[in-house]
Amino acid sequence: MSAVLADFPVLTPVPDEDLALAVHADRVHAPELWPQGLMCRSERVPYLCRLARWAHTAGLIREQLREPA
């Protein structure tokens, strides 16, 4: 099942109304160091996971995402 979802496309470019979701996805699907390497904190798959890649396609910079809205 995860192999099917890994190739499932996400909408790009990210519409303005989805930017809040992209910010949330970037925060939840952050990198975390494991003995196997850098993994997605949420999915435990190699980082950049699908949703993290989608958030990055929104042109968001990590420092901007960490600032309070």
PDB file of N, CA and C in Angstrom:
ATOM      1  N   MET A   1       0.818  -1.195   0.000  1.00  0.00           N
ATOM      2  CA  MET A   1       0.000   0.000   0.000  1.00  0.00           C
ATOM      3  C   MET A   1       0.859   1.256   0.000  1.00  0.00           C
ATOM      4  N   SER A   2       1.946   1.289   0.782  1.00  0.00           N
ATOM      5  CA  SER A   2       2.770   2.494   0.834  1.00  0.00           C
ATOM      6  C   SER A   2       3.443   2.768  -0.502  1.00  0.00           C
ATOM      7  N   ALA A   3       3.741   1.708  -1.279  1.00  0.00           N
ATOM      8  CA  ALA A   3       4.338   1.914  -2.595  1.00  0.00           C
ATOM      9  C   ALA A   3       3.355   2.622  -3.526  1.00  0.00           C
ATOM     10  N   VAL A   4       2.088   2.311  -3.411  1.00  0.00           N
ATOM     11  CA  VAL A   4       1.077   2.964  -4.227  1.00  0.00           C
ATOM     12  C   VAL A   4       0.955   4.424  -3.829  1.00  0.00           C
ATOM     13  N   LEU A   5       0.911   4.701  -2.540  1.00  0.00           N
ATOM     14  CA  LEU A   5       0.771   6.081  -2.066  1.00  0.00           C
ATOM     15  C   LEU A   5       2.013   6.905  -2.336  1.00  0.00           C
ATOM     16  N   ALA A   6       3.175   6.286  -2.371  1.00  0.00           N
ATOM     17  CA  ALA A   6       4.418   7.020  -2.610  1.00  0.00           C
ATOM     18  C   ALA A   6       4.418   7.665  -3.988  1.00  0.00           C
ATOM     19  N   ASP A   7       3.768   7.048  -4.955  1.00  0.00           N
ATOM     20  CA  ASP A   7       3.734   7.589  -6.307  1.00  0.00           C
ATOM     21  C   ASP A   7       2.486   8.405  -6.591  1.00  0.00           C
ATOM     22  N   PHE A   8       1.597   8.536  -5.615  1.00  0.00           N
ATOM     23  CA  PHE A   8       0.366   9.275  -5.809  1.00  0.00           C
ATOM     24  C   PHE A   8       0.703  10.753  -5.968  1.00  0.00           C
ATOM     25  N   PRO A   9       0.282  11.379  -7.055  1.00  0.00           N
ATOM     26  CA  PRO A   9       0.671  12.776  -7.280  1.00  0.00           C
ATOM     27  C   PRO A   9      -0.018  13.739  -6.322  1.00  0.00           C
ATOM     28  N   VAL A  10       0.664  14.816  -6.026  1.00  0.00           N
ATOM     29  CA  VAL A  10       0.073  15.902  -5.251  1.00  0.00           C
ATOM     30  C   VAL A  10      -0.040  17.108  -6.168  1.00  0.00           C
ATOM     31  N   LEU A  11      -0.977  17.984  -5.861  1.00  0.00           N
ATOM     32  CA  LEU A  11      -1.212  19.131  -6.728  1.00  0.00           C
ATOM     33  C   LEU A  11      -0.073  20.128  -6.661  1.00  0.00           C
ATOM     34  N   THR A  12       0.443  20.501  -7.814  1.00  0.00           N
ATOM     35  CA  THR A  12       1.447  21.546  -7.912  1.00  0.00           C
ATOM     36  C   THR A  12       1.062  22.427  -9.094  1.00  0.00           C
ATOM     37  N   PRO A  13       1.249  23.684  -9.075  1.00  0.00           N
ATOM     38  CA  PRO A  13       1.694  24.451  -7.917  1.00  0.00           C
ATOM     39  C   PRO A  13       0.627  24.486  -6.828  1.00  0.00           C
ATOM     40  N   VAL A  14       1.068  24.852  -5.657  1.00  0.00           N
ATOM     41  CA  VAL A  14       0.167  24.881  -4.505  1.00  0.00           C
ATOM     42  C   VAL A  14      -0.682  26.151  -4.576  1.00  0.00           C
ATOM     43  N   PRO A  15      -2.010  26.005  -4.628  1.00  0.00           N
ATOM     44  CA  PRO A  15      -2.866  27.192  -4.645  1.00  0.00           C
ATOM     45  C   PRO A  15      -2.770  27.965  -3.323  1.00  0.00           C
ATOM     46  N   ASP A  16      -3.059  29.240  -3.381  1.00  0.00           N
ATOM     47  CA  ASP A  16      -2.974  30.089  -2.185  1.00  0.00           C
ATOM     48  C   ASP A  16      -3.802  29.547  -1.027  1.00  0.00           C
ATOM     49  N   GLU A  17      -4.974  28.983  -1.329  1.00  0.00           N
ATOM     50  CA  GLU A  17      -5.827  28.494  -0.243  1.00  0.00           C
ATOM     51  C   GLU A  17      -5.254  27.241   0.430  1.00  0.00           C
ATOM     52  N   ASP A  18      -4.261  26.604  -0.188  1.00  0.00           N
ATOM     53  CA  ASP A  18      -3.643  25.416   0.405  1.00  0.00           C
ATOM     54  C   ASP A  18      -2.315  25.713   1.094  1.00  0.00           C
ATOM     55  N   LEU A  19      -1.891  26.969   1.130  1.00  0.00           N
ATOM     56  CA  LEU A  19      -0.606  27.294   1.748  1.00  0.00           C
ATOM     57  C   LEU A  19      -0.578  26.942   3.230  1.00  0.00           C
ATOM     58  N   ALA A  20      -1.683  27.142   3.941  1.00  0.00           N
ATOM     59  CA  ALA A  20      -1.726  26.785   5.362  1.00  0.00           C
ATOM     60  C   ALA A  20      -1.532  25.280   5.531  1.00  0.00           C
ATOM     61  N   LEU A  21      -2.104  24.486   4.632  1.00  0.00           N
ATOM     62  CA  LEU A  21      -1.900  23.036   4.685  1.00  0.00           C
ATOM     63  C   LEU A  21      -0.453  22.672   4.387  1.00  0.00           C
ATOM     64  N   ALA A  22       0.168  23.386   3.459  1.00  0.00           N
ATOM     65  CA  ALA A  22       1.572  23.127   3.137  1.00  0.00           C
ATOM     66  C   ALA A  22       2.471  23.442   4.332  1.00  0.00           C
ATOM     67  N   VAL A  23       2.168  24.520   5.032  1.00  0.00           N
ATOM     68  CA  VAL A  23       2.933  24.872   6.235  1.00  0.00           C
ATOM     69  C   VAL A  23       2.782  23.774   7.280  1.00  0.00           C
ATOM     70  N   HIS A  24       1.561  23.310   7.484  1.00  0.00           N
ATOM     71  CA  HIS A  24       1.313  22.239   8.451  1.00  0.00           C
ATOM     72  C   HIS A  24       2.030  20.952   8.028  1.00  0.00           C
ATOM     73  N   ALA A  25       1.969  20.616   6.758  1.00  0.00           N
ATOM     74  CA  ALA A  25       2.644  19.406   6.263  1.00  0.00           C
ATOM     75  C   ALA A  25       4.143  19.498   6.492  1.00  0.00           C
ATOM     76  N   ASP A  26       4.712  20.680   6.286  1.00  0.00           N
ATOM     77  CA  ASP A  26       6.152  20.829   6.495  1.00  0.00           C
ATOM     78  C   ASP A  26       6.528  20.652   7.961  1.00  0.00           C
ATOM     79  N   ARG A  27       5.692  21.129   8.853  1.00  0.00           N
ATOM     80  CA  ARG A  27       5.977  20.987  10.284  1.00  0.00           C
ATOM     81  C   ARG A  27       5.818  19.547  10.755  1.00  0.00           C
ATOM     82  N   VAL A  28       4.804  18.855  10.272  1.00  0.00           N
ATOM     83  CA  VAL A  28       4.529  17.489  10.709  1.00  0.00           C
ATOM     84  C   VAL A  28       5.498  16.496  10.061  1.00  0.00           C
ATOM     85  N   HIS A  29       5.841  16.724   8.814  1.00  0.00           N
ATOM     86  CA  HIS A  29       6.692  15.807   8.061  1.00  0.00           C
ATOM     87  C   HIS A  29       8.128  16.331   8.026  1.00  0.00           C
ATOM     88  N   ALA A  30       8.642  16.669   9.186  1.00  0.00           N
ATOM     89  CA  ALA A  30       9.987  17.211   9.324  1.00  0.00           C
ATOM     90  C   ALA A  30      11.020  16.075   9.369  1.00  0.00           C
ATOM     91  N   PRO A  31      12.269  16.390   9.040  1.00  0.00           N
ATOM     92  CA  PRO A  31      13.301  15.347   9.092  1.00  0.00           C
ATOM     93  C   PRO A  31      13.683  15.018  10.526  1.00  0.00           C
ATOM     94  N   GLU A  32      14.020  13.766  10.749  1.00  0.00           N
ATOM     95  CA  GLU A  32      14.460  13.303  12.063  1.00  0.00           C
ATOM     96  C   GLU A  32      15.569  12.275  11.830  1.00  0.00           C
ATOM     97  N   LEU A  33      16.648  12.404  12.577  1.00  0.00           N
ATOM     98  CA  LEU A  33      17.796  11.512  12.387  1.00  0.00           C
ATOM     99  C   LEU A  33      17.566  10.195  13.112  1.00  0.00           C
ATOM    100  N   TRP A  34      17.651   9.086  12.375  1.00  0.00           N
ATOM    101  CA  TRP A  34      17.521   7.734  12.898  1.00  0.00           C
ATOM    102  C   TRP A  34      18.779   6.961  12.514  1.00  0.00           C
ATOM    103  N   PRO A  35      19.017   5.805  13.132  1.00  0.00           N
ATOM    104  CA  PRO A  35      20.191   5.012  12.743  1.00  0.00           C
ATOM    105  C   PRO A  35      20.192   4.656  11.245  1.00  0.00           C
ATOM    106  N   GLN A  36      19.010   4.553  10.637  1.00  0.00           N
ATOM    107  CA  GLN A  36      18.919   4.237   9.217  1.00  0.00           C
ATOM    108  C   GLN A  36      19.182   5.453   8.333  1.00  0.00           C
ATOM    109  N   GLY A  37      19.230   6.635   8.926  1.00  0.00           N
ATOM    110  CA  GLY A  37      19.441   7.869   8.174  1.00  0.00           C
ATOM    111  C   GLY A  37      18.357   8.878   8.487  1.00  0.00           C
ATOM    112  N   LEU A  38      18.242   9.877   7.645  1.00  0.00           N
ATOM    113  CA  LEU A  38      17.257  10.934   7.824  1.00  0.00           C
ATOM    114  C   LEU A  38      15.888  10.406   7.406  1.00  0.00           C
ATOM    115  N   MET A  39      14.933  10.422   8.346  1.00  0.00           N
ATOM    116  CA  MET A  39      13.597   9.877   8.108  1.00  0.00           C
ATOM    117  C   MET A  39      12.548  10.955   8.380  1.00  0.00           C
ATOM    118  N   CYS A  40      11.386  10.805   7.749  1.00  0.00           N
ATOM    119  CA  CYS A  40      10.246  11.675   8.013  1.00  0.00           C
ATOM    120  C   CYS A  40       9.743  11.374   9.419  1.00  0.00           C
ATOM    121  N   ARG A  41       9.566  12.410  10.223  1.00  0.00           N
ATOM    122  CA  ARG A  41       9.125  12.229  11.605  1.00  0.00           C
ATOM    123  C   ARG A  41       7.745  11.588  11.682  1.00  0.00           C
ATOM    124  N   SER A  42       6.891  11.848  10.728  1.00  0.00           N
ATOM    125  CA  SER A  42       5.525  11.344  10.766  1.00  0.00           C
ATOM    126  C   SER A  42       5.380   9.958  10.149  1.00  0.00           C
ATOM    127  N   GLU A  43       5.993   9.747   8.985  1.00  0.00           N
ATOM    128  CA  GLU A  43       5.772   8.513   8.241  1.00  0.00           C
ATOM    129  C   GLU A  43       6.861   7.464   8.410  1.00  0.00           C
ATOM    130  N   ARG A  44       8.006   7.843   8.964  1.00  0.00           N
ATOM    131  CA  ARG A  44       9.153   6.935   9.122  1.00  0.00           C
ATOM    132  C   ARG A  44       9.590   6.333   7.794  1.00  0.00           C
ATOM    133  N   VAL A  45       9.575   7.166   6.755  1.00  0.00           N
ATOM    134  CA  VAL A  45      10.113   6.811   5.448  1.00  0.00           C
ATOM    135  C   VAL A  45      11.267   7.768   5.186  1.00  0.00           C
ATOM    136  N   PRO A  46      12.158   7.431   4.233  1.00  0.00           N
ATOM    137  CA  PRO A  46      13.269   8.355   3.967  1.00  0.00           C
ATOM    138  C   PRO A  46      12.762   9.758   3.656  1.00  0.00           C
ATOM    139  N   TYR A  47      13.426  10.745   4.273  1.00  0.00           N
ATOM    140  CA  TYR A  47      13.064  12.146   4.072  1.00  0.00           C
ATOM    141  C   TYR A  47      13.634  12.593   2.733  1.00  0.00           C
ATOM    142  N   LEU A  48      13.011  13.277   1.964  1.00  0.00           N
ATOM    143  CA  LEU A  48      11.781  14.001   1.871  1.00  0.00           C
ATOM    144  C   LEU A  48      10.655  13.047   1.485  1.00  0.00           C
ATOM    145  N   CYS A  49       9.672  12.932   2.341  1.00  0.00           N
ATOM    146  CA  CYS A  49       8.501  12.127   2.008  1.00  0.00           C
ATOM    147  C   CYS A  49       7.633  12.912   1.024  1.00  0.00           C
ATOM    148  N   ARG A  50       6.584  12.293   0.564  1.00  0.00           N
ATOM    149  CA  ARG A  50       5.719  12.890  -0.458  1.00  0.00           C
ATOM    150  C   ARG A  50       5.127  14.225  -0.011  1.00  0.00           C
ATOM    151  N   LEU A  51       4.618  14.304   1.207  1.00  0.00           N
ATOM    152  CA  LEU A  51       4.007  15.559   1.658  1.00  0.00           C
ATOM    153  C   LEU A  51       5.047  16.635   1.944  1.00  0.00           C
ATOM    154  N   ALA A  52       6.218  16.247   2.395  1.00  0.00           N
ATOM    155  CA  ALA A  52       7.280  17.234   2.579  1.00  0.00           C
ATOM    156  C   ALA A  52       7.717  17.802   1.229  1.00  0.00           C
ATOM    157  N   ARG A  53       7.809  16.951   0.221  1.00  0.00           N
ATOM    158  CA  ARG A  53       8.147  17.439  -1.129  1.00  0.00           C
ATOM    159  C   ARG A  53       7.080  18.399  -1.624  1.00  0.00           C
ATOM    160  N   TRP A  54       5.815  18.080  -1.365  1.00  0.00           N
ATOM    161  CA  TRP A  54       4.723  18.951  -1.784  1.00  0.00           C
ATOM    162  C   TRP A  54       4.835  20.309  -1.103  1.00  0.00           C
ATOM    163  N   ALA A  55       5.119  20.308   0.192  1.00  0.00           N
ATOM    164  CA  ALA A  55       5.253  21.569   0.923  1.00  0.00           C
ATOM    165  C   ALA A  55       6.404  22.394   0.366  1.00  0.00           C
ATOM    166  N   HIS A  56       7.482  21.731  -0.010  1.00  0.00           N
ATOM    167  CA  HIS A  56       8.636  22.457  -0.543  1.00  0.00           C
ATOM    168  C   HIS A  56       8.352  23.009  -1.937  1.00  0.00           C
ATOM    169  N   THR A  57       7.475  22.367  -2.690  1.00  0.00           N
ATOM    170  CA  THR A  57       7.129  22.904  -4.009  1.00  0.00           C
ATOM    171  C   THR A  57       6.333  24.189  -3.896  1.00  0.00           C
ATOM    172  N   ALA A  58       5.791  24.458  -2.736  1.00  0.00           N
ATOM    173  CA  ALA A  58       5.063  25.712  -2.519  1.00  0.00           C
ATOM    174  C   ALA A  58       6.022  26.894  -2.454  1.00  0.00           C
ATOM    175  N   GLY A  59       7.333  26.608  -2.507  1.00  0.00           N
ATOM    176  CA  GLY A  59       8.327  27.670  -2.454  1.00  0.00           C
ATOM    177  C   GLY A  59       8.524  28.204  -1.051  1.00  0.00           C
ATOM    178  N   LEU A  60       8.205  27.389  -0.059  1.00  0.00           N
ATOM    179  CA  LEU A  60       8.313  27.819   1.326  1.00  0.00           C
ATOM    180  C   LEU A  60       9.722  27.578   1.846  1.00  0.00           C
ATOM    181  N   ILE A  61      10.211  28.521   2.619  1.00  0.00           N
ATOM    182  CA  ILE A  61      11.524  28.399   3.243  1.00  0.00           C
ATOM    183  C   ILE A  61      11.304  28.025   4.700  1.00  0.00           C
ATOM    184  N   ARG A  62      12.076  27.065   5.194  1.00  0.00           N
ATOM    185  CA  ARG A  62      11.868  26.541   6.545  1.00  0.00           C
ATOM    186  C   ARG A  62      11.867  27.659   7.594  1.00  0.00           C
ATOM    187  N   GLU A  63      12.710  28.655   7.479  1.00  0.00           N
ATOM    188  CA  GLU A  63      12.745  29.739   8.468  1.00  0.00           C
ATOM    189  C   GLU A  63      11.432  30.513   8.468  1.00  0.00           C
ATOM    190  N   GLN A  64      10.828  30.699   7.300  1.00  0.00           N
ATOM    191  CA  GLN A  64       9.556  31.403   7.228  1.00  0.00           C
ATOM    192  C   GLN A  64       8.452  30.582   7.851  1.00  0.00           C
ATOM    193  N   LEU A  65       8.534  29.263   7.725  1.00  0.00           N
ATOM    194  CA  LEU A  65       7.498  28.406   8.279  1.00  0.00           C
ATOM    195  C   LEU A  65       7.529  28.405   9.801  1.00  0.00           C
ATOM    196  N   ARG A  66       8.684  28.574  10.392  1.00  0.00           N
ATOM    197  CA  ARG A  66       8.830  28.520  11.840  1.00  0.00           C
ATOM    198  C   ARG A  66       8.376  29.804  12.521  1.00  0.00           C
ATOM    199  N   GLU A  67       8.221  30.882  11.754  1.00  0.00           N
ATOM    200  CA  GLU A  67       7.764  32.143  12.343  1.00  0.00           C
ATOM    201  C   GLU A  67       6.289  32.035  12.693  1.00  0.00           C
ATOM    202  N   PRO A  68       5.876  32.605  13.825  1.00  0.00           N
ATOM    203  CA  PRO A  68       4.452  32.587  14.161  1.00  0.00           C
ATOM    204  C   PRO A  68       3.621  33.341  13.137  1.00  0.00           C
ATOM    205  N   ALA A  69       2.445  32.845  12.854  1.00  0.00           N
ATOM    206  CA  ALA A  69       1.576  33.502  11.857  1.00  0.00           C
ATOM    207  C   ALA A  69       0.874  34.691  12.449  1.00  0.00           C
TER     208      ALA A  69
END
